[in-house]
Amino acid sequence: RALGLGYQDAHALLTTAFGLKAPRLPHDDQ
């Protein structure tokens, strides 16, 4: 939050940190 990021950004960063393929987020499709 302090960096101005939201839940979707946090989720994508965690997914990458765990070495998983990042899910395609709704805002990416849009």
All heavy atoms as atom14 arrays in JSON, in Angstrom:
{
  "sequence": "RALGLGYQDAHALLTTAFGLKAPRLPHDDQ",
  "atom14_mask": [
    [1, 1, 1, 1, 1, 1, 1, 1, 1, 1, 1, 0, 0, 0],
    [1, 1, 1, 1, 1, 0, 0, 0, 0, 0, 0, 0, 0, 0],
    [1, 1, 1, 1, 1, 1, 1, 1, 0, 0, 0, 0, 0, 0],
    [1, 1, 1, 1, 0, 0, 0, 0, 0, 0, 0, 0, 0, 0],
    [1, 1, 1, 1, 1, 1, 1, 1, 0, 0, 0, 0, 0, 0],
    [1, 1, 1, 1, 0, 0, 0, 0, 0, 0, 0, 0, 0, 0],
    [1, 1, 1, 1, 1, 1, 1, 1, 1, 1, 1, 1, 0, 0],
    [1, 1, 1, 1, 1, 1, 1, 1, 1, 0, 0, 0, 0, 0],
    [1, 1, 1, 1, 1, 1, 1, 1, 0, 0, 0, 0, 0, 0],
    [1, 1, 1, 1, 1, 0, 0, 0, 0, 0, 0, 0, 0, 0],
    [1, 1, 1, 1, 1, 1, 1, 1, 1, 1, 0, 0, 0, 0],
    [1, 1, 1, 1, 1, 0, 0, 0, 0, 0, 0, 0, 0, 0],
    [1, 1, 1, 1, 1, 1, 1, 1, 0, 0, 0, 0, 0, 0],
    [1, 1, 1, 1, 1, 1, 1, 1, 0, 0, 0, 0, 0, 0],
    [1, 1, 1, 1, 1, 1, 1, 0, 0, 0, 0, 0, 0, 0],
    [1, 1, 1, 1, 1, 1, 1, 0, 0, 0, 0, 0, 0, 0],
    [1, 1, 1, 1, 1, 0, 0, 0, 0, 0, 0, 0, 0, 0],
    [1, 1, 1, 1, 1, 1, 1, 1, 1, 1, 1, 0, 0, 0],
    [1, 1, 1, 1, 0, 0, 0, 0, 0, 0, 0, 0, 0, 0],
    [1, 1, 1, 1, 1, 1, 1, 1, 0, 0, 0, 0, 0, 0],
    [1, 1, 1, 1, 1, 1, 1, 1, 1, 0, 0, 0, 0, 0],
    [1, 1, 1, 1, 1, 0, 0, 0, 0, 0, 0, 0, 0, 0],
    [1, 1, 1, 1, 1, 1, 1, 0, 0, 0, 0, 0, 0, 0],
    [1, 1, 1, 1, 1, 1, 1, 1, 1, 1, 1, 0, 0, 0],
    [1, 1, 1, 1, 1, 1, 1, 1, 0, 0, 0, 0, 0, 0],
    [1, 1, 1, 1, 1, 1, 1, 0, 0, 0, 0, 0, 0, 0],
    [1, 1, 1, 1, 1, 1, 1, 1, 1, 1, 0, 0, 0, 0],
    [1, 1, 1, 1, 1, 1, 1, 1, 0, 0, 0, 0, 0, 0],
    [1, 1, 1, 1, 1, 1, 1, 1, 0, 0, 0, 0, 0, 0],
    [1, 1, 1, 1, 1, 1, 1, 1, 1, 0, 0, 0, 0, 0]
  ],
  "atom14_positions": [
    [[0.83, -1.21, 0.0], [0.0, 0.0, 0.0], [0.87, 1.26, 0.0], [0.55, 2.24, -0.68], [-0.93, 0.0, 1.2], [-2.11, -0.92, 1.04], [-3.14, -0.72, 2.16], [-3.78, -1.98, 2.44], [-3.55, -2.75, 3.5], [-2.72, -2.37, 4.43], [-4.18, -3.89, 3.64], [0.0, 0.0, 0.0], [0.0, 0.0, 0.0], [0.0, 0.0, 0.0]],
    [[1.94, 1.25, 0.79], [2.84, 2.41, 0.87], [3.49, 2.7, -0.48], [3.8, 3.85, -0.79], [3.91, 2.17, 1.94], [0.0, 0.0, 0.0], [0.0, 0.0, 0.0], [0.0, 0.0, 0.0], [0.0, 0.0, 0.0], [0.0, 0.0, 0.0], [0.0, 0.0, 0.0], [0.0, 0.0, 0.0], [0.0, 0.0, 0.0], [0.0, 0.0, 0.0]],
    [[3.67, 1.67, -1.28], [4.26, 1.84, -2.62], [3.2, 2.23, -3.65], [3.52, 2.44, -4.82], [4.94, 0.54, -3.06], [6.2, 0.16, -2.27], [6.62, -1.26, -2.6], [7.31, 1.14, -2.56], [0.0, 0.0, 0.0], [0.0, 0.0, 0.0], [0.0, 0.0, 0.0], [0.0, 0.0, 0.0], [0.0, 0.0, 0.0], [0.0, 0.0, 0.0]],
    [[1.95, 2.31, -3.22], [0.87, 2.71, -4.13], [0.37, 1.57, -5.0], [-0.28, 1.81, -6.02], [0.0, 0.0, 0.0], [0.0, 0.0, 0.0], [0.0, 0.0, 0.0], [0.0, 0.0, 0.0], [0.0, 0.0, 0.0], [0.0, 0.0, 0.0], [0.0, 0.0, 0.0], [0.0, 0.0, 0.0], [0.0, 0.0, 0.0], [0.0, 0.0, 0.0]],
    [[0.66, 0.35, -4.62], [0.21, -0.81, -5.38], [-1.02, -1.41, -4.73], [-1.31, -1.15, -3.57], [1.33, -1.86, -5.46], [2.64, -1.38, -6.1], [3.71, -2.44, -5.98], [2.42, -0.99, -7.54], [0.0, 0.0, 0.0], [0.0, 0.0, 0.0], [0.0, 0.0, 0.0], [0.0, 0.0, 0.0], [0.0, 0.0, 0.0], [0.0, 0.0, 0.0]],
    [[-1.73, -2.24, -5.47], [-2.95, -2.86, -4.97], [-2.83, -4.36, -4.82], [-1.76, -4.95, -4.99], [0.0, 0.0, 0.0], [0.0, 0.0, 0.0], [0.0, 0.0, 0.0], [0.0, 0.0, 0.0], [0.0, 0.0, 0.0], [0.0, 0.0, 0.0], [0.0, 0.0, 0.0], [0.0, 0.0, 0.0], [0.0, 0.0, 0.0], [0.0, 0.0, 0.0]],
    [[-3.99, -4.97, -4.53], [-4.06, -6.4, -4.29], [-3.54, -7.22, -5.48], [-2.78, -8.16, -5.31], [-5.5, -6.81, -3.97], [-5.68, -8.31, -3.96], [-5.29, -9.06, -2.85], [-6.21, -8.97, -5.06], [-5.42, -10.43, -2.85], [-6.36, -10.35, -5.06], [-5.96, -11.08, -3.95], [-6.08, -12.45, -3.95], [0.0, 0.0, 0.0], [0.0, 0.0, 0.0]],
    [[-3.96, -6.86, -6.69], [-3.57, -7.64, -7.86], [-2.05, -7.6, -8.06], [-1.45, -8.62, -8.41], [-4.3, -7.15, -9.11], [-5.79, -7.49, -9.05], [-6.55, -7.0, -10.27], [-6.14, -6.05, -10.91], [-7.66, -7.65, -10.56], [0.0, 0.0, 0.0], [0.0, 0.0, 0.0], [0.0, 0.0, 0.0], [0.0, 0.0, 0.0], [0.0, 0.0, 0.0]],
    [[-1.46, -6.44, -7.84], [0.01, -6.34, -7.94], [0.68, -7.2, -6.88], [1.65, -7.91, -7.17], [0.45, -4.88, -7.78], [-0.11, -3.98, -8.86], [0.01, -4.34, -10.05], [-0.66, -2.92, -8.51], [0.0, 0.0, 0.0], [0.0, 0.0, 0.0], [0.0, 0.0, 0.0], [0.0, 0.0, 0.0], [0.0, 0.0, 0.0], [0.0, 0.0, 0.0]],
    [[0.16, -7.13, -5.66], [0.73, -7.92, -4.56], [0.62, -9.41, -4.87], [1.57, -10.17, -4.66], [0.02, -7.59, -3.26], [0.0, 0.0, 0.0], [0.0, 0.0, 0.0], [0.0, 0.0, 0.0], [0.0, 0.0, 0.0], [0.0, 0.0, 0.0], [0.0, 0.0, 0.0], [0.0, 0.0, 0.0], [0.0, 0.0, 0.0], [0.0, 0.0, 0.0]],
    [[-0.53, -9.83, -5.38], [-0.75, -11.23, -5.71], [0.23, -11.7, -6.78], [0.83, -12.76, -6.69], [-2.2, -11.44, -6.16], [-2.54, -12.86, -6.42], [-2.48, -13.43, -7.67], [-2.92, -13.86, -5.57], [-2.8, -14.7, -7.59], [-3.08, -14.98, -6.33], [0.0, 0.0, 0.0], [0.0, 0.0, 0.0], [0.0, 0.0, 0.0], [0.0, 0.0, 0.0]],
    [[0.4, -10.88, -7.82], [1.33, -11.22, -8.91], [2.77, -11.32, -8.39], [3.51, -12.23, -8.76], [1.23, -10.19, -10.03], [0.0, 0.0, 0.0], [0.0, 0.0, 0.0], [0.0, 0.0, 0.0], [0.0, 0.0, 0.0], [0.0, 0.0, 0.0], [0.0, 0.0, 0.0], [0.0, 0.0, 0.0], [0.0, 0.0, 0.0], [0.0, 0.0, 0.0]],
    [[3.15, -10.41, -7.5], [4.5, -10.44, -6.94], [4.71, -11.68, -6.08], [5.78, -12.31, -6.15], [4.76, -9.17, -6.12], [4.89, -7.89, -6.94], [4.82, -6.67, -6.04], [6.17, -7.9, -7.75], [0.0, 0.0, 0.0], [0.0, 0.0, 0.0], [0.0, 0.0, 0.0], [0.0, 0.0, 0.0], [0.0, 0.0, 0.0], [0.0, 0.0, 0.0]],
    [[3.72, -12.04, -5.29], [3.83, -13.26, -4.48], [3.9, -14.51, -5.34], [4.67, -15.43, -5.06], [2.65, -13.37, -3.51], [2.73, -12.51, -2.26], [1.42, -12.59, -1.48], [3.89, -12.92, -1.39], [0.0, 0.0, 0.0], [0.0, 0.0, 0.0], [0.0, 0.0, 0.0], [0.0, 0.0, 0.0], [0.0, 0.0, 0.0], [0.0, 0.0, 0.0]],
    [[3.1, -14.53, -6.38], [3.1, -15.69, -7.28], [4.49, -15.87, -7.89], [5.02, -16.98, -7.93], [2.04, -15.5, -8.39], [0.77, -15.38, -7.75], [2.03, -16.66, -9.35], [0.0, 0.0, 0.0], [0.0, 0.0, 0.0], [0.0, 0.0, 0.0], [0.0, 0.0, 0.0], [0.0, 0.0, 0.0], [0.0, 0.0, 0.0], [0.0, 0.0, 0.0]],
    [[5.08, -14.77, -8.31], [6.43, -14.82, -8.87], [7.44, -15.25, -7.8], [8.32, -16.08, -8.06], [6.82, -13.45, -9.45], [5.86, -13.09, -10.45], [8.21, -13.47, -10.05], [0.0, 0.0, 0.0], [0.0, 0.0, 0.0], [0.0, 0.0, 0.0], [0.0, 0.0, 0.0], [0.0, 0.0, 0.0], [0.0, 0.0, 0.0], [0.0, 0.0, 0.0]],
    [[7.3, -14.72, -6.6], [8.22, -15.05, -5.52], [8.17, -16.54, -5.17], [9.2, -17.13, -4.82], [7.91, -14.21, -4.28], [0.0, 0.0, 0.0], [0.0, 0.0, 0.0], [0.0, 0.0, 0.0], [0.0, 0.0, 0.0], [0.0, 0.0, 0.0], [0.0, 0.0, 0.0], [0.0, 0.0, 0.0], [0.0, 0.0, 0.0], [0.0, 0.0, 0.0]],
    [[7.0, -17.15, -5.29], [6.86, -18.58, -5.03], [7.28, -19.42, -6.24], [7.24, -20.64, -6.19], [5.43, -18.93, -4.62], [5.15, -18.72, -3.17], [4.43, -17.61, -2.75], [5.6, -19.61, -2.22], [4.16, -17.4, -1.4], [5.35, -19.41, -0.87], [4.63, -18.3, -0.47], [0.0, 0.0, 0.0], [0.0, 0.0, 0.0], [0.0, 0.0, 0.0]],
    [[7.66, -18.76, -7.32], [8.11, -19.48, -8.5], [6.98, -20.08, -9.31], [7.19, -21.03, -10.05], [0.0, 0.0, 0.0], [0.0, 0.0, 0.0], [0.0, 0.0, 0.0], [0.0, 0.0, 0.0], [0.0, 0.0, 0.0], [0.0, 0.0, 0.0], [0.0, 0.0, 0.0], [0.0, 0.0, 0.0], [0.0, 0.0, 0.0], [0.0, 0.0, 0.0]],
    [[5.8, -19.53, -9.17], [4.64, -20.02, -9.92], [4.39, -19.12, -11.12], [4.82, -17.98, -11.16], [3.41, -20.04, -9.02], [3.55, -20.85, -7.73], [2.35, -20.62, -6.83], [3.73, -22.32, -8.03], [0.0, 0.0, 0.0], [0.0, 0.0, 0.0], [0.0, 0.0, 0.0], [0.0, 0.0, 0.0], [0.0, 0.0, 0.0], [0.0, 0.0, 0.0]],
    [[3.66, -19.64, -12.09], [3.29, -18.83, -13.24], [2.23, -17.83, -12.8], [1.24, -18.2, -12.18], [2.75, -19.71, -14.36], [2.44, -18.96, -15.61], [1.98, -19.88, -16.71], [1.63, -19.05, -17.93], [1.05, -19.85, -18.98], [0.0, 0.0, 0.0], [0.0, 0.0, 0.0], [0.0, 0.0, 0.0], [0.0, 0.0, 0.0], [0.0, 0.0, 0.0]],
    [[2.46, -16.58, -13.1], [1.52, -15.53, -12.7], [0.19, -15.72, -13.42], [0.16, -15.98, -14.61], [2.1, -14.15, -13.01], [0.0, 0.0, 0.0], [0.0, 0.0, 0.0], [0.0, 0.0, 0.0], [0.0, 0.0, 0.0], [0.0, 0.0, 0.0], [0.0, 0.0, 0.0], [0.0, 0.0, 0.0], [0.0, 0.0, 0.0], [0.0, 0.0, 0.0]],
    [[-0.91, -15.61, -12.68], [-2.22, -15.75, -13.32], [-2.51, -14.53, -14.2], [-2.0, -13.45, -13.98], [-3.18, -15.79, -12.12], [-2.48, -15.02, -11.05], [-1.01, -15.3, -11.27], [0.0, 0.0, 0.0], [0.0, 0.0, 0.0], [0.0, 0.0, 0.0], [0.0, 0.0, 0.0], [0.0, 0.0, 0.0], [0.0, 0.0, 0.0], [0.0, 0.0, 0.0]],
    [[-3.32, -14.75, -15.18], [-3.73, -13.64, -16.05], [-4.83, -12.88, -15.31], [-5.88, -13.43, -15.03], [-4.23, -14.18, -17.38], [-4.44, -13.12, -18.41], [-4.35, -13.76, -19.8], [-4.72, -12.82, -20.81], [-3.87, -11.95, -21.35], [-2.62, -11.91, -20.95], [-4.28, -11.12, -22.3], [0.0, 0.0, 0.0], [0.0, 0.0, 0.0], [0.0, 0.0, 0.0]],
    [[-4.56, -11.63, -14.99], [-5.49, -10.83, -14.22], [-6.5, -10.16, -15.13], [-6.19, -9.87, -16.29], [-4.73, -9.79, -13.41], [-3.71, -10.37, -12.41], [-2.91, -9.28, -11.76], [-4.42, -11.21, -11.36], [0.0, 0.0, 0.0], [0.0, 0.0, 0.0], [0.0, 0.0, 0.0], [0.0, 0.0, 0.0], [0.0, 0.0, 0.0], [0.0, 0.0, 0.0]],
    [[-7.69, -9.87, -14.61], [-8.73, -9.24, -15.43], [-8.27, -7.95, -16.09], [-8.57, -7.71, -17.24], [-9.87, -8.98, -14.44], [-9.65, -9.94, -13.33], [-8.16, -10.16, -13.28], [0.0, 0.0, 0.0], [0.0, 0.0, 0.0], [0.0, 0.0, 0.0], [0.0, 0.0, 0.0], [0.0, 0.0, 0.0], [0.0, 0.0, 0.0], [0.0, 0.0, 0.0]],
    [[-7.5, -7.13, -15.37], [-7.09, -5.87, -15.97], [-6.1, -6.09, -17.11], [-5.99, -5.27, -17.99], [-6.56, -4.89, -14.9], [-5.19, -5.21, -14.4], [-4.97, -6.15, -13.42], [-3.98, -4.73, -14.76], [-3.67, -6.23, -13.18], [-3.05, -5.39, -13.97], [0.0, 0.0, 0.0], [0.0, 0.0, 0.0], [0.0, 0.0, 0.0], [0.0, 0.0, 0.0]],
    [[-5.39, -7.23, -17.12], [-4.5, -7.56, -18.24], [-5.32, -7.82, -19.51], [-4.98, -7.39, -20.59], [-3.66, -8.81, -17.94], [-2.63, -8.58, -16.85], [-2.32, -7.39, -16.58], [-2.16, -9.57, -16.27], [0.0, 0.0, 0.0], [0.0, 0.0, 0.0], [0.0, 0.0, 0.0], [0.0, 0.0, 0.0], [0.0, 0.0, 0.0], [0.0, 0.0, 0.0]],
    [[-6.45, -8.56, -19.35], [-7.31, -8.86, -20.48], [-7.9, -7.57, -21.06], [-7.96, -7.39, -22.26], [-8.47, -9.78, -20.05], [-8.0, -11.18, -19.71], [-6.92, -11.57, -20.19], [-8.71, -11.87, -18.95], [0.0, 0.0, 0.0], [0.0, 0.0, 0.0], [0.0, 0.0, 0.0], [0.0, 0.0, 0.0], [0.0, 0.0, 0.0], [0.0, 0.0, 0.0]],
    [[-8.31, -6.7, -20.17], [-8.9, -5.45, -20.62], [-7.88, -4.62, -21.38], [-8.19, -4.03, -22.4], [-9.45, -4.65, -19.43], [-10.64, -5.32, -18.78], [-11.0, -4.67, -17.46], [-10.31, -3.78, -16.98], [-12.08, -5.15, -16.85], [0.0, 0.0, 0.0], [0.0, 0.0, 0.0], [0.0, 0.0, 0.0], [0.0, 0.0, 0.0], [0.0, 0.0, 0.0]]
  ]
}
